[in-house]
Amino acid sequence: GLADGIFLDLPGPWKVVASAARSLRPDGVLCSFSPCIEQVQRTCAEAAKLGFKEIQTIEILLREYDLDHPTLTTMSLQRGAQAGPSGTTGAKRSFAAVSQSEGEG
């Protein structure tokens, strides 16, 4: 069967537009994510050459989020480790999600 939509997130998306077109239904949607306008221009030009209609370019701006930094207590798998309450050694595994914003000061 043919796909309803295809998403491209590649360094050279214009190189695979023809292959994607063969894999799409006639009313299918092709979406490409590109960080540089030159990539966008080349991909749009290739899509137009292959008969795609309603070609749009949409800029997606990043937004920074301030997240709490949850801390997880982990169990030790090492021999001889001193286990604390509930079988843990008190070792902590931290997770922090960081998102960089472009164009914001």
PDB file of N, CA and C in Angstrom:
ATOM      1  N   GLY A   1       0.817  -1.195   0.000  1.00  0.00           N
ATOM      2  CA  GLY A   1       0.000   0.000   0.000  1.00  0.00           C
ATOM      3  C   GLY A   1       0.851   1.244   0.000  1.00  0.00           C
ATOM      4  N   LEU A   2       0.193   2.322  -0.283  1.00  0.00           N
ATOM      5  CA  LEU A   2       0.854   3.625  -0.301  1.00  0.00           C
ATOM      6  C   LEU A   2       0.612   4.358   1.012  1.00  0.00           C
ATOM      7  N   ALA A   3       1.517   5.240   1.360  1.00  0.00           N
ATOM      8  CA  ALA A   3       1.443   5.974   2.627  1.00  0.00           C
ATOM      9  C   ALA A   3       0.572   7.220   2.502  1.00  0.00           C
ATOM     10  N   ASP A   4      -0.111   7.552   3.602  1.00  0.00           N
ATOM     11  CA  ASP A   4      -0.878   8.798   3.675  1.00  0.00           C
ATOM     12  C   ASP A   4       0.048   9.993   3.868  1.00  0.00           C
ATOM     13  N   GLY A   5       1.154   9.769   4.565  1.00  0.00           N
ATOM     14  CA  GLY A   5       2.100  10.843   4.829  1.00  0.00           C
ATOM     15  C   GLY A   5       3.491  10.295   5.084  1.00  0.00           C
ATOM     16  N   ILE A   6       4.482  11.114   4.777  1.00  0.00           N
ATOM     17  CA  ILE A   6       5.882  10.752   5.005  1.00  0.00           C
ATOM     18  C   ILE A   6       6.575  11.952   5.646  1.00  0.00           C
ATOM     19  N   PHE A   7       7.350  11.682   6.689  1.00  0.00           N
ATOM     20  CA  PHE A   7       8.121  12.714   7.377  1.00  0.00           C
ATOM     21  C   PHE A   7       9.596  12.478   7.127  1.00  0.00           C
ATOM     22  N   LEU A   8      10.287  13.522   6.706  1.00  0.00           N
ATOM     23  CA  LEU A   8      11.724  13.451   6.445  1.00  0.00           C
ATOM     24  C   LEU A   8      12.459  14.309   7.467  1.00  0.00           C
ATOM     25  N   ASP A   9      13.472  13.756   8.082  1.00  0.00           N
ATOM     26  CA  ASP A   9      14.344  14.494   8.994  1.00  0.00           C
ATOM     27  C   ASP A   9      15.767  14.037   8.682  1.00  0.00           C
ATOM     28  N   LEU A  10      16.281  14.546   7.554  1.00  0.00           N
ATOM     29  CA  LEU A  10      17.551  14.097   6.999  1.00  0.00           C
ATOM     30  C   LEU A  10      18.433  15.282   6.642  1.00  0.00           C
ATOM     31  N   PRO A  11      19.741  15.066   6.519  1.00  0.00           N
ATOM     32  CA  PRO A  11      20.627  16.151   6.091  1.00  0.00           C
ATOM     33  C   PRO A  11      20.365  16.608   4.650  1.00  0.00           C
ATOM     34  N   GLY A  12      19.913  15.714   3.770  1.00  0.00           N
ATOM     35  CA  GLY A  12      19.667  16.065   2.364  1.00  0.00           C
ATOM     36  C   GLY A  12      18.299  15.582   1.905  1.00  0.00           C
ATOM     37  N   PRO A  13      17.214  16.152   2.422  1.00  0.00           N
ATOM     38  CA  PRO A  13      15.879  15.631   2.099  1.00  0.00           C
ATOM     39  C   PRO A  13      15.523  15.716   0.619  1.00  0.00           C
ATOM     40  N   TRP A  14      16.075  16.666  -0.119  1.00  0.00           N
ATOM     41  CA  TRP A  14      15.770  16.806  -1.540  1.00  0.00           C
ATOM     42  C   TRP A  14      16.205  15.573  -2.331  1.00  0.00           C
ATOM     43  N   LYS A  15      17.167  14.828  -1.788  1.00  0.00           N
ATOM     44  CA  LYS A  15      17.672  13.637  -2.467  1.00  0.00           C
ATOM     45  C   LYS A  15      16.660  12.485  -2.472  1.00  0.00           C
ATOM     46  N   VAL A  16      15.692  12.511  -1.564  1.00  0.00           N
ATOM     47  CA  VAL A  16      14.738  11.396  -1.459  1.00  0.00           C
ATOM     48  C   VAL A  16      13.299  11.795  -1.761  1.00  0.00           C
ATOM     49  N   VAL A  17      13.084  13.018  -2.240  1.00  0.00           N
ATOM     50  CA  VAL A  17      11.721  13.466  -2.545  1.00  0.00           C
ATOM     51  C   VAL A  17      11.100  12.580  -3.626  1.00  0.00           C
ATOM     52  N   ALA A  18      11.859  12.189  -4.637  1.00  0.00           N
ATOM     53  CA  ALA A  18      11.323  11.336  -5.708  1.00  0.00           C
ATOM     54  C   ALA A  18      10.888   9.981  -5.151  1.00  0.00           C
ATOM     55  N   SER A  19      11.692   9.403  -4.301  1.00  0.00           N
ATOM     56  CA  SER A  19      11.342   8.121  -3.685  1.00  0.00           C
ATOM     57  C   SER A  19      10.109   8.262  -2.803  1.00  0.00           C
ATOM     58  N   ALA A  20      10.047   9.350  -2.044  1.00  0.00           N
ATOM     59  CA  ALA A  20       8.877   9.597  -1.193  1.00  0.00           C
ATOM     60  C   ALA A  20       7.630   9.769  -2.045  1.00  0.00           C
ATOM     61  N   ALA A  21       7.747  10.466  -3.167  1.00  0.00           N
ATOM     62  CA  ALA A  21       6.598  10.693  -4.045  1.00  0.00           C
ATOM     63  C   ALA A  21       6.035   9.369  -4.558  1.00  0.00           C
ATOM     64  N   ARG A  22       6.903   8.428  -4.875  1.00  0.00           N
ATOM     65  CA  ARG A  22       6.451   7.111  -5.356  1.00  0.00           C
ATOM     66  C   ARG A  22       5.757   6.311  -4.253  1.00  0.00           C
ATOM     67  N   SER A  23       6.049   6.637  -2.994  1.00  0.00           N
ATOM     68  CA  SER A  23       5.497   5.899  -1.865  1.00  0.00           C
ATOM     69  C   SER A  23       4.224   6.523  -1.300  1.00  0.00           C
ATOM     70  N   LEU A  24       3.841   7.698  -1.796  1.00  0.00           N
ATOM     71  CA  LEU A  24       2.670   8.418  -1.290  1.00  0.00           C
ATOM     72  C   LEU A  24       1.425   8.178  -2.124  1.00  0.00           C
ATOM     73  N   ARG A  25       0.281   8.205  -1.463  1.00  0.00           N
ATOM     74  CA  ARG A  25      -0.992   8.209  -2.178  1.00  0.00           C
ATOM     75  C   ARG A  25      -1.081   9.522  -2.953  1.00  0.00           C
ATOM     76  N   PRO A  26      -1.952   9.607  -3.967  1.00  0.00           N
ATOM     77  CA  PRO A  26      -2.068  10.843  -4.747  1.00  0.00           C
ATOM     78  C   PRO A  26      -2.415  12.073  -3.897  1.00  0.00           C
ATOM     79  N   ASP A  27      -3.150  11.880  -2.792  1.00  0.00           N
ATOM     80  CA  ASP A  27      -3.494  13.002  -1.917  1.00  0.00           C
ATOM     81  C   ASP A  27      -2.632  13.009  -0.649  1.00  0.00           C
ATOM     82  N   GLY A  28      -1.484  12.311  -0.681  1.00  0.00           N
ATOM     83  CA  GLY A  28      -0.617  12.201   0.485  1.00  0.00           C
ATOM     84  C   GLY A  28       0.129  13.486   0.797  1.00  0.00           C
ATOM     85  N   VAL A  29       0.701  13.518   1.989  1.00  0.00           N
ATOM     86  CA  VAL A  29       1.408  14.704   2.477  1.00  0.00           C
ATOM     87  C   VAL A  29       2.871  14.346   2.746  1.00  0.00           C
ATOM     88  N   LEU A  30       3.754  15.196   2.279  1.00  0.00           N
ATOM     89  CA  LEU A  30       5.183  15.052   2.540  1.00  0.00           C
ATOM     90  C   LEU A  30       5.603  16.198   3.443  1.00  0.00           C
ATOM     91  N   CYS A  31       6.252  15.873   4.557  1.00  0.00           N
ATOM     92  CA  CYS A  31       6.713  16.887   5.513  1.00  0.00           C
ATOM     93  C   CYS A  31       8.204  16.680   5.716  1.00  0.00           C
ATOM     94  N   SER A  32       8.962  17.777   5.631  1.00  0.00           N
ATOM     95  CA  SER A  32      10.406  17.706   5.794  1.00  0.00           C
ATOM     96  C   SER A  32      10.842  18.716   6.849  1.00  0.00           C
ATOM     97  N   PHE A  33      11.670  18.278   7.782  1.00  0.00           N
ATOM     98  CA  PHE A  33      12.231  19.152   8.809  1.00  0.00           C
ATOM     99  C   PHE A  33      13.664  19.487   8.425  1.00  0.00           C
ATOM    100  N   SER A  34      13.971  20.771   8.300  1.00  0.00           N
ATOM    101  CA  SER A  34      15.316  21.201   7.915  1.00  0.00           C
ATOM    102  C   SER A  34      15.717  22.430   8.722  1.00  0.00           C
ATOM    103  N   PRO A  35      16.936  22.446   9.268  1.00  0.00           N
ATOM    104  CA  PRO A  35      17.378  23.581  10.065  1.00  0.00           C
ATOM    105  C   PRO A  35      17.864  24.774   9.232  1.00  0.00           C
ATOM    106  N   CYS A  36      18.199  24.567   7.966  1.00  0.00           N
ATOM    107  CA  CYS A  36      18.769  25.633   7.144  1.00  0.00           C
ATOM    108  C   CYS A  36      17.850  25.980   5.974  1.00  0.00           C
ATOM    109  N   ILE A  37      17.740  27.249   5.667  1.00  0.00           N
ATOM    110  CA  ILE A  37      16.856  27.690   4.588  1.00  0.00           C
ATOM    111  C   ILE A  37      17.314  27.130   3.242  1.00  0.00           C
ATOM    112  N   GLU A  38      18.616  26.920   3.073  1.00  0.00           N
ATOM    113  CA  GLU A  38      19.114  26.354   1.819  1.00  0.00           C
ATOM    114  C   GLU A  38      18.568  24.947   1.603  1.00  0.00           C
ATOM    115  N   GLN A  39      18.480  24.164   2.669  1.00  0.00           N
ATOM    116  CA  GLN A  39      17.898  22.819   2.575  1.00  0.00           C
ATOM    117  C   GLN A  39      16.417  22.912   2.219  1.00  0.00           C
ATOM    118  N   VAL A  40      15.727  23.844   2.822  1.00  0.00           N
ATOM    119  CA  VAL A  40      14.301  24.048   2.550  1.00  0.00           C
ATOM    120  C   VAL A  40      14.102  24.416   1.079  1.00  0.00           C
ATOM    121  N   GLN A  41      14.909  25.346   0.582  1.00  0.00           N
ATOM    122  CA  GLN A  41      14.781  25.789  -0.810  1.00  0.00           C
ATOM    123  C   GLN A  41      15.013  24.632  -1.788  1.00  0.00           C
ATOM    124  N   ARG A  42      16.045  23.847  -1.550  1.00  0.00           N
ATOM    125  CA  ARG A  42      16.344  22.723  -2.454  1.00  0.00           C
ATOM    126  C   ARG A  42      15.236  21.673  -2.412  1.00  0.00           C
ATOM    127  N   THR A  43      14.710  21.405  -1.219  1.00  0.00           N
ATOM    128  CA  THR A  43      13.648  20.413  -1.079  1.00  0.00           C
ATOM    129  C   THR A  43      12.359  20.892  -1.743  1.00  0.00           C
ATOM    130  N   CYS A  44      12.007  22.151  -1.547  1.00  0.00           N
ATOM    131  CA  CYS A  44      10.807  22.710  -2.179  1.00  0.00           C
ATOM    132  C   CYS A  44      10.938  22.719  -3.696  1.00  0.00           C
ATOM    133  N   ALA A  45      12.116  23.057  -4.198  1.00  0.00           N
ATOM    134  CA  ALA A  45      12.335  23.064  -5.650  1.00  0.00           C
ATOM    135  C   ALA A  45      12.176  21.662  -6.226  1.00  0.00           C
ATOM    136  N   GLU A  46      12.704  20.674  -5.537  1.00  0.00           N
ATOM    137  CA  GLU A  46      12.585  19.284  -5.999  1.00  0.00           C
ATOM    138  C   GLU A  46      11.132  18.820  -5.946  1.00  0.00           C
ATOM    139  N   ALA A  47      10.418  19.191  -4.889  1.00  0.00           N
ATOM    140  CA  ALA A  47       9.011  18.814  -4.758  1.00  0.00           C
ATOM    141  C   ALA A  47       8.178  19.443  -5.879  1.00  0.00           C
ATOM    142  N   ALA A  48       8.434  20.705  -6.187  1.00  0.00           N
ATOM    143  CA  ALA A  48       7.701  21.385  -7.271  1.00  0.00           C
ATOM    144  C   ALA A  48       8.005  20.721  -8.610  1.00  0.00           C
ATOM    145  N   LYS A  49       9.260  20.365  -8.830  1.00  0.00           N
ATOM    146  CA  LYS A  49       9.670  19.711 -10.072  1.00  0.00           C
ATOM    147  C   LYS A  49       8.943  18.378 -10.262  1.00  0.00           C
ATOM    148  N   LEU A  50       8.651  17.702  -9.156  1.00  0.00           N
ATOM    149  CA  LEU A  50       7.995  16.398  -9.206  1.00  0.00           C
ATOM    150  C   LEU A  50       6.463  16.492  -9.146  1.00  0.00           C
ATOM    151  N   GLY A  51       5.932  17.711  -9.189  1.00  0.00           N
ATOM    152  CA  GLY A  51       4.483  17.879  -9.260  1.00  0.00           C
ATOM    153  C   GLY A  51       3.753  18.034  -7.946  1.00  0.00           C
ATOM    154  N   PHE A  52       4.464  18.228  -6.837  1.00  0.00           N
ATOM    155  CA  PHE A  52       3.778  18.489  -5.567  1.00  0.00           C
ATOM    156  C   PHE A  52       3.071  19.830  -5.644  1.00  0.00           C
ATOM    157  N   LYS A  53       1.907  19.921  -5.026  1.00  0.00           N
ATOM    158  CA  LYS A  53       1.119  21.163  -4.989  1.00  0.00           C
ATOM    159  C   LYS A  53       1.025  21.644  -3.546  1.00  0.00           C
ATOM    160  N   GLU A  54       0.572  22.857  -3.364  1.00  0.00           N
ATOM    161  CA  GLU A  54       0.377  23.430  -2.021  1.00  0.00           C
ATOM    162  C   GLU A  54       1.637  23.320  -1.173  1.00  0.00           C
ATOM    163  N   ILE A  55       2.756  23.705  -1.733  1.00  0.00           N
ATOM    164  CA  ILE A  55       4.042  23.652  -1.018  1.00  0.00           C
ATOM    165  C   ILE A  55       4.103  24.829  -0.058  1.00  0.00           C
ATOM    166  N   GLN A  56       4.369  24.533   1.201  1.00  0.00           N
ATOM    167  CA  GLN A  56       4.437  25.562   2.241  1.00  0.00           C
ATOM    168  C   GLN A  56       5.729  25.417   3.034  1.00  0.00           C
ATOM    169  N   THR A  57       6.211  26.535   3.546  1.00  0.00           N
ATOM    170  CA  THR A  57       7.330  26.526   4.477  1.00  0.00           C
ATOM    171  C   THR A  57       6.837  27.153   5.772  1.00  0.00           C
ATOM    172  N   ILE A  58       7.012  26.447   6.861  1.00  0.00           N
ATOM    173  CA  ILE A  58       6.567  26.918   8.170  1.00  0.00           C
ATOM    174  C   ILE A  58       7.763  26.912   9.111  1.00  0.00           C
ATOM    175  N   GLU A  59       7.992  28.038   9.787  1.00  0.00           N
ATOM    176  CA  GLU A  59       9.072  28.110  10.761  1.00  0.00           C
ATOM    177  C   GLU A  59       8.547  27.696  12.124  1.00  0.00           C
ATOM    178  N   ILE A  60       9.274  26.812  12.773  1.00  0.00           N
ATOM    179  CA  ILE A  60       8.912  26.367  14.115  1.00  0.00           C
ATOM    180  C   ILE A  60       9.951  26.923  15.076  1.00  0.00           C
ATOM    181  N   LEU A  61       9.526  27.788  15.968  1.00  0.00           N
ATOM    182  CA  LEU A  61      10.439  28.378  16.941  1.00  0.00           C
ATOM    183  C   LEU A  61      10.489  27.519  18.195  1.00  0.00           C
ATOM    184  N   LEU A  62      11.671  27.406  18.755  1.00  0.00           N
ATOM    185  CA  LEU A  62      11.830  26.655  19.990  1.00  0.00           C
ATOM    186  C   LEU A  62      11.468  27.520  21.184  1.00  0.00           C
ATOM    187  N   ARG A  63      10.926  26.901  22.201  1.00  0.00           N
ATOM    188  CA  ARG A  63      10.597  27.603  23.437  1.00  0.00           C
ATOM    189  C   ARG A  63      11.272  26.855  24.580  1.00  0.00           C
ATOM    190  N   GLU A  64      11.927  27.596  25.448  1.00  0.00           N
ATOM    191  CA  GLU A  64      12.618  26.991  26.575  1.00  0.00           C
ATOM    192  C   GLU A  64      11.636  26.721  27.703  1.00  0.00           C
ATOM    193  N   TYR A  65      11.746  25.540  28.293  1.00  0.00           N
ATOM    194  CA  TYR A  65      10.916  25.169  29.422  1.00  0.00           C
ATOM    195  C   TYR A  65      11.791  25.007  30.646  1.00  0.00           C
ATOM    196  N   ASP A  66      11.323  25.489  31.787  1.00  0.00           N
ATOM    197  CA  ASP A  66      12.041  25.324  33.034  1.00  0.00           C
ATOM    198  C   ASP A  66      11.390  24.152  33.760  1.00  0.00           C
ATOM    199  N   LEU A  67      12.068  23.014  33.759  1.00  0.00           N
ATOM    200  CA  LEU A  67      11.529  21.806  34.363  1.00  0.00           C
ATOM    201  C   LEU A  67      12.170  21.551  35.716  1.00  0.00           C
ATOM    202  N   ASP A  68      11.406  20.954  36.618  1.00  0.00           N
ATOM    203  CA  ASP A  68      11.992  20.491  37.873  1.00  0.00           C
ATOM    204  C   ASP A  68      12.978  19.385  37.539  1.00  0.00           C
ATOM    205  N   HIS A  69      13.939  19.191  38.369  1.00  0.00           N
ATOM    206  CA  HIS A  69      14.936  18.148  38.155  1.00  0.00           C
ATOM    207  C   HIS A  69      14.638  16.991  39.099  1.00  0.00           C
ATOM    208  N   PRO A  70      13.848  16.019  38.663  1.00  0.00           N
ATOM    209  CA  PRO A  70      13.527  14.898  39.550  1.00  0.00           C
ATOM    210  C   PRO A  70      14.762  14.064  39.852  1.00  0.00           C
ATOM    211  N   THR A  71      14.830  13.541  41.043  1.00  0.00           N
ATOM    212  CA  THR A  71      15.930  12.689  41.451  1.00  0.00           C
ATOM    213  C   THR A  71      15.370  11.320  41.785  1.00  0.00           C
ATOM    214  N   LEU A  72      15.959  10.288  41.209  1.00  0.00           N
ATOM    215  CA  LEU A  72      15.520   8.925  41.443  1.00  0.00           C
ATOM    216  C   LEU A  72      16.536   8.214  42.317  1.00  0.00           C
ATOM    217  N   THR A  73      16.057   7.481  43.305  1.00  0.00           N
ATOM    218  CA  THR A  73      16.939   6.663  44.116  1.00  0.00           C
ATOM    219  C   THR A  73      17.044   5.307  43.439  1.00  0.00           C
ATOM    220  N   THR A  74      18.277   4.823  43.278  1.00  0.00           N
ATOM    221  CA  THR A  74      18.485   3.562  42.572  1.00  0.00           C
ATOM    222  C   THR A  74      19.005   2.496  43.515  1.00  0.00           C
ATOM    223  N   MET A  75      18.730   1.257  43.170  1.00  0.00           N
ATOM    224  CA  MET A  75      19.242   0.134  43.951  1.00  0.00           C
ATOM    225  C   MET A  75      20.649  -0.201  43.469  1.00  0.00           C
ATOM    226  N   SER A  76      21.509  -0.589  44.376  1.00  0.00           N
ATOM    227  CA  SER A  76      22.867  -0.958  44.018  1.00  0.00           C
ATOM    228  C   SER A  76      22.916  -2.400  43.545  1.00  0.00           C
ATOM    229  N   LEU A  77      23.652  -2.631  42.482  1.00  0.00           N
ATOM    230  CA  LEU A  77      23.873  -3.982  41.982  1.00  0.00           C
ATOM    231  C   LEU A  77      25.292  -4.435  42.291  1.00  0.00           C
ATOM    232  N   GLN A  78      26.032  -3.628  43.065  1.00  0.00           N
ATOM    233  CA  GLN A  78      27.412  -3.951  43.398  1.00  0.00           C
ATOM    234  C   GLN A  78      27.462  -4.830  44.651  1.00  0.00           C
ATOM    235  N   ARG A  79      28.424  -5.766  44.682  1.00  0.00           N
ATOM    236  CA  ARG A  79      28.606  -6.601  45.867  1.00  0.00           C
ATOM    237  C   ARG A  79      29.149  -5.766  47.007  1.00  0.00           C
ATOM    238  N   GLY A  80      28.651  -6.023  48.181  1.00  0.00           N
ATOM    239  CA  GLY A  80      29.173  -5.359  49.364  1.00  0.00           C
ATOM    240  C   GLY A  80      28.670  -3.946  49.561  1.00  0.00           C
ATOM    241  N   ALA A  81      27.769  -3.481  48.729  1.00  0.00           N
ATOM    242  CA  ALA A  81      27.245  -2.125  48.908  1.00  0.00           C
ATOM    243  C   ALA A  81      26.335  -2.106  50.119  1.00  0.00           C
ATOM    244  N   GLN A  82      26.418  -1.067  50.882  1.00  0.00           N
ATOM    245  CA  GLN A  82      25.584  -0.906  52.055  1.00  0.00           C
ATOM    246  C   GLN A  82      24.194  -0.452  51.612  1.00  0.00           C
ATOM    247  N   ALA A  83      23.195  -1.246  51.891  1.00  0.00           N
ATOM    248  CA  ALA A  83      21.829  -0.886  51.513  1.00  0.00           C
ATOM    249  C   ALA A  83      21.205  -0.064  52.620  1.00  0.00           C
ATOM    250  N   GLY A  84      20.538   0.982  52.227  1.00  0.00           N
ATOM    251  CA  GLY A  84      19.823   1.828  53.173  1.00  0.00           C
ATOM    252  C   GLY A  84      18.384   1.388  53.272  1.00  0.00           C
ATOM    253  N   PRO A  85      17.508   2.264  53.776  1.00  0.00           N
ATOM    254  CA  PRO A  85      16.093   1.927  53.876  1.00  0.00           C
ATOM    255  C   PRO A  85      15.546   1.538  52.509  1.00  0.00           C
ATOM    256  N   SER A  86      14.673   0.614  52.458  1.00  0.00           N
ATOM    257  CA  SER A  86      14.012   0.090  51.256  1.00  0.00           C
ATOM    258  C   SER A  86      15.006  -0.506  50.263  1.00  0.00           C
ATOM    259  N   GLY A  87      16.161  -0.952  50.753  1.00  0.00           N
ATOM    260  CA  GLY A  87      17.102  -1.668  49.901  1.00  0.00           C
ATOM    261  C   GLY A  87      17.940  -0.794  48.989  1.00  0.00           C
ATOM    262  N   THR A  88      18.008   0.509  49.214  1.00  0.00           N
ATOM    263  CA  THR A  88      18.793   1.388  48.356  1.00  0.00           C
ATOM    264  C   THR A  88      20.098   1.752  49.019  1.00  0.00           C
ATOM    265  N   THR A  89      21.058   2.195  48.231  1.00  0.00           N
ATOM    266  CA  THR A  89      22.358   2.610  48.759  1.00  0.00           C
ATOM    267  C   THR A  89      22.422   4.120  48.922  1.00  0.00           C
ATOM    268  N   GLY A  90      21.380   4.797  48.540  1.00  0.00           N
ATOM    269  CA  GLY A  90      21.397   6.251  48.598  1.00  0.00           C
ATOM    270  C   GLY A  90      21.970   6.861  47.337  1.00  0.00           C
ATOM    271  N   ALA A  91      22.388   6.014  46.386  1.00  0.00           N
ATOM    272  CA  ALA A  91      22.879   6.545  45.114  1.00  0.00           C
ATOM    273  C   ALA A  91      21.726   7.253  44.409  1.00  0.00           C
ATOM    274  N   LYS A  92      22.011   8.351  43.770  1.00  0.00           N
ATOM    275  CA  LYS A  92      20.976   9.134  43.099  1.00  0.00           C
ATOM    276  C   LYS A  92      21.245   9.177  41.605  1.00  0.00           C
ATOM    277  N   ARG A  93      20.204   9.054  40.842  1.00  0.00           N
ATOM    278  CA  ARG A  93      20.290   9.215  39.397  1.00  0.00           C
ATOM    279  C   ARG A  93      19.438  10.435  39.064  1.00  0.00           C
ATOM    280  N   SER A  94      20.048  11.435  38.467  1.00  0.00           N
ATOM    281  CA  SER A  94      19.330  12.671  38.163  1.00  0.00           C
ATOM    282  C   SER A  94      19.040  12.772  36.687  1.00  0.00           C
ATOM    283  N   PHE A  95      17.983  13.460  36.383  1.00  0.00           N
ATOM    284  CA  PHE A  95      17.589  13.704  35.002  1.00  0.00           C
ATOM    285  C   PHE A  95      17.281  15.190  34.860  1.00  0.00           C
ATOM    286  N   ALA A  96      17.842  15.822  33.855  1.00  0.00           N
ATOM    287  CA  ALA A  96      17.536  17.219  33.569  1.00  0.00           C
ATOM    288  C   ALA A  96      17.309  17.359  32.075  1.00  0.00           C
ATOM    289  N   ALA A  97      16.193  17.919  31.707  1.00  0.00           N
ATOM    290  CA  ALA A  97      15.896  18.162  30.299  1.00  0.00           C
ATOM    291  C   ALA A  97      16.207  19.625  29.993  1.00  0.00           C
ATOM    292  N   VAL A  98      17.001  19.855  28.982  1.00  0.00           N
ATOM    293  CA  VAL A  98      17.395  21.204  28.615  1.00  0.00           C
ATOM    294  C   VAL A  98      17.041  21.426  27.157  1.00  0.00           C
ATOM    295  N   SER A  99      16.363  22.507  26.900  1.00  0.00           N
ATOM    296  CA  SER A  99      16.008  22.861  25.526  1.00  0.00           C
ATOM    297  C   SER A  99      16.562  24.247  25.246  1.00  0.00           C
ATOM    298  N   GLN A 100      17.301  24.398  24.180  1.00  0.00           N
ATOM    299  CA  GLN A 100      17.864  25.692  23.834  1.00  0.00           C
ATOM    300  C   GLN A 100      16.920  26.425  22.915  1.00  0.00           C
ATOM    301  N   SER A 101      16.703  27.705  23.192  1.00  0.00           N
ATOM    302  CA  SER A 101      15.853  28.526  22.347  1.00  0.00           C
ATOM    303  C   SER A 101      16.705  29.293  21.370  1.00  0.00           C
ATOM    304  N   GLU A 102      16.237  29.362  20.134  1.00  0.00           N
ATOM    305  CA  GLU A 102      16.924  30.157  19.126  1.00  0.00           C
ATOM    306  C   GLU A 102      16.146  31.452  18.956  1.00  0.00           C
ATOM    307  N   GLY A 103      16.854  32.545  18.867  1.00  0.00           N
ATOM    308  CA  GLY A 103      16.221  33.823  18.611  1.00  0.00           C
ATOM    309  C   GLY A 103      15.635  34.489  19.834  1.00  0.00           C
ATOM    310  N   GLU A 104      15.833  33.908  21.019  1.00  0.00           N
ATOM    311  CA  GLU A 104      15.360  34.536  22.230  1.00  0.00           C
ATOM    312  C   GLU A 104      16.558  34.922  23.080  1.00  0.00           C
ATOM    313  N   GLY A 105      16.488  36.050  23.757  1.00  0.00           N
ATOM    314  CA  GLY A 105      17.627  36.503  24.531  1.00  0.00           C
ATOM    315  C   GLY A 105      17.569  36.209  25.967  1.00  0.00           C
TER     316      GLY A 105
END
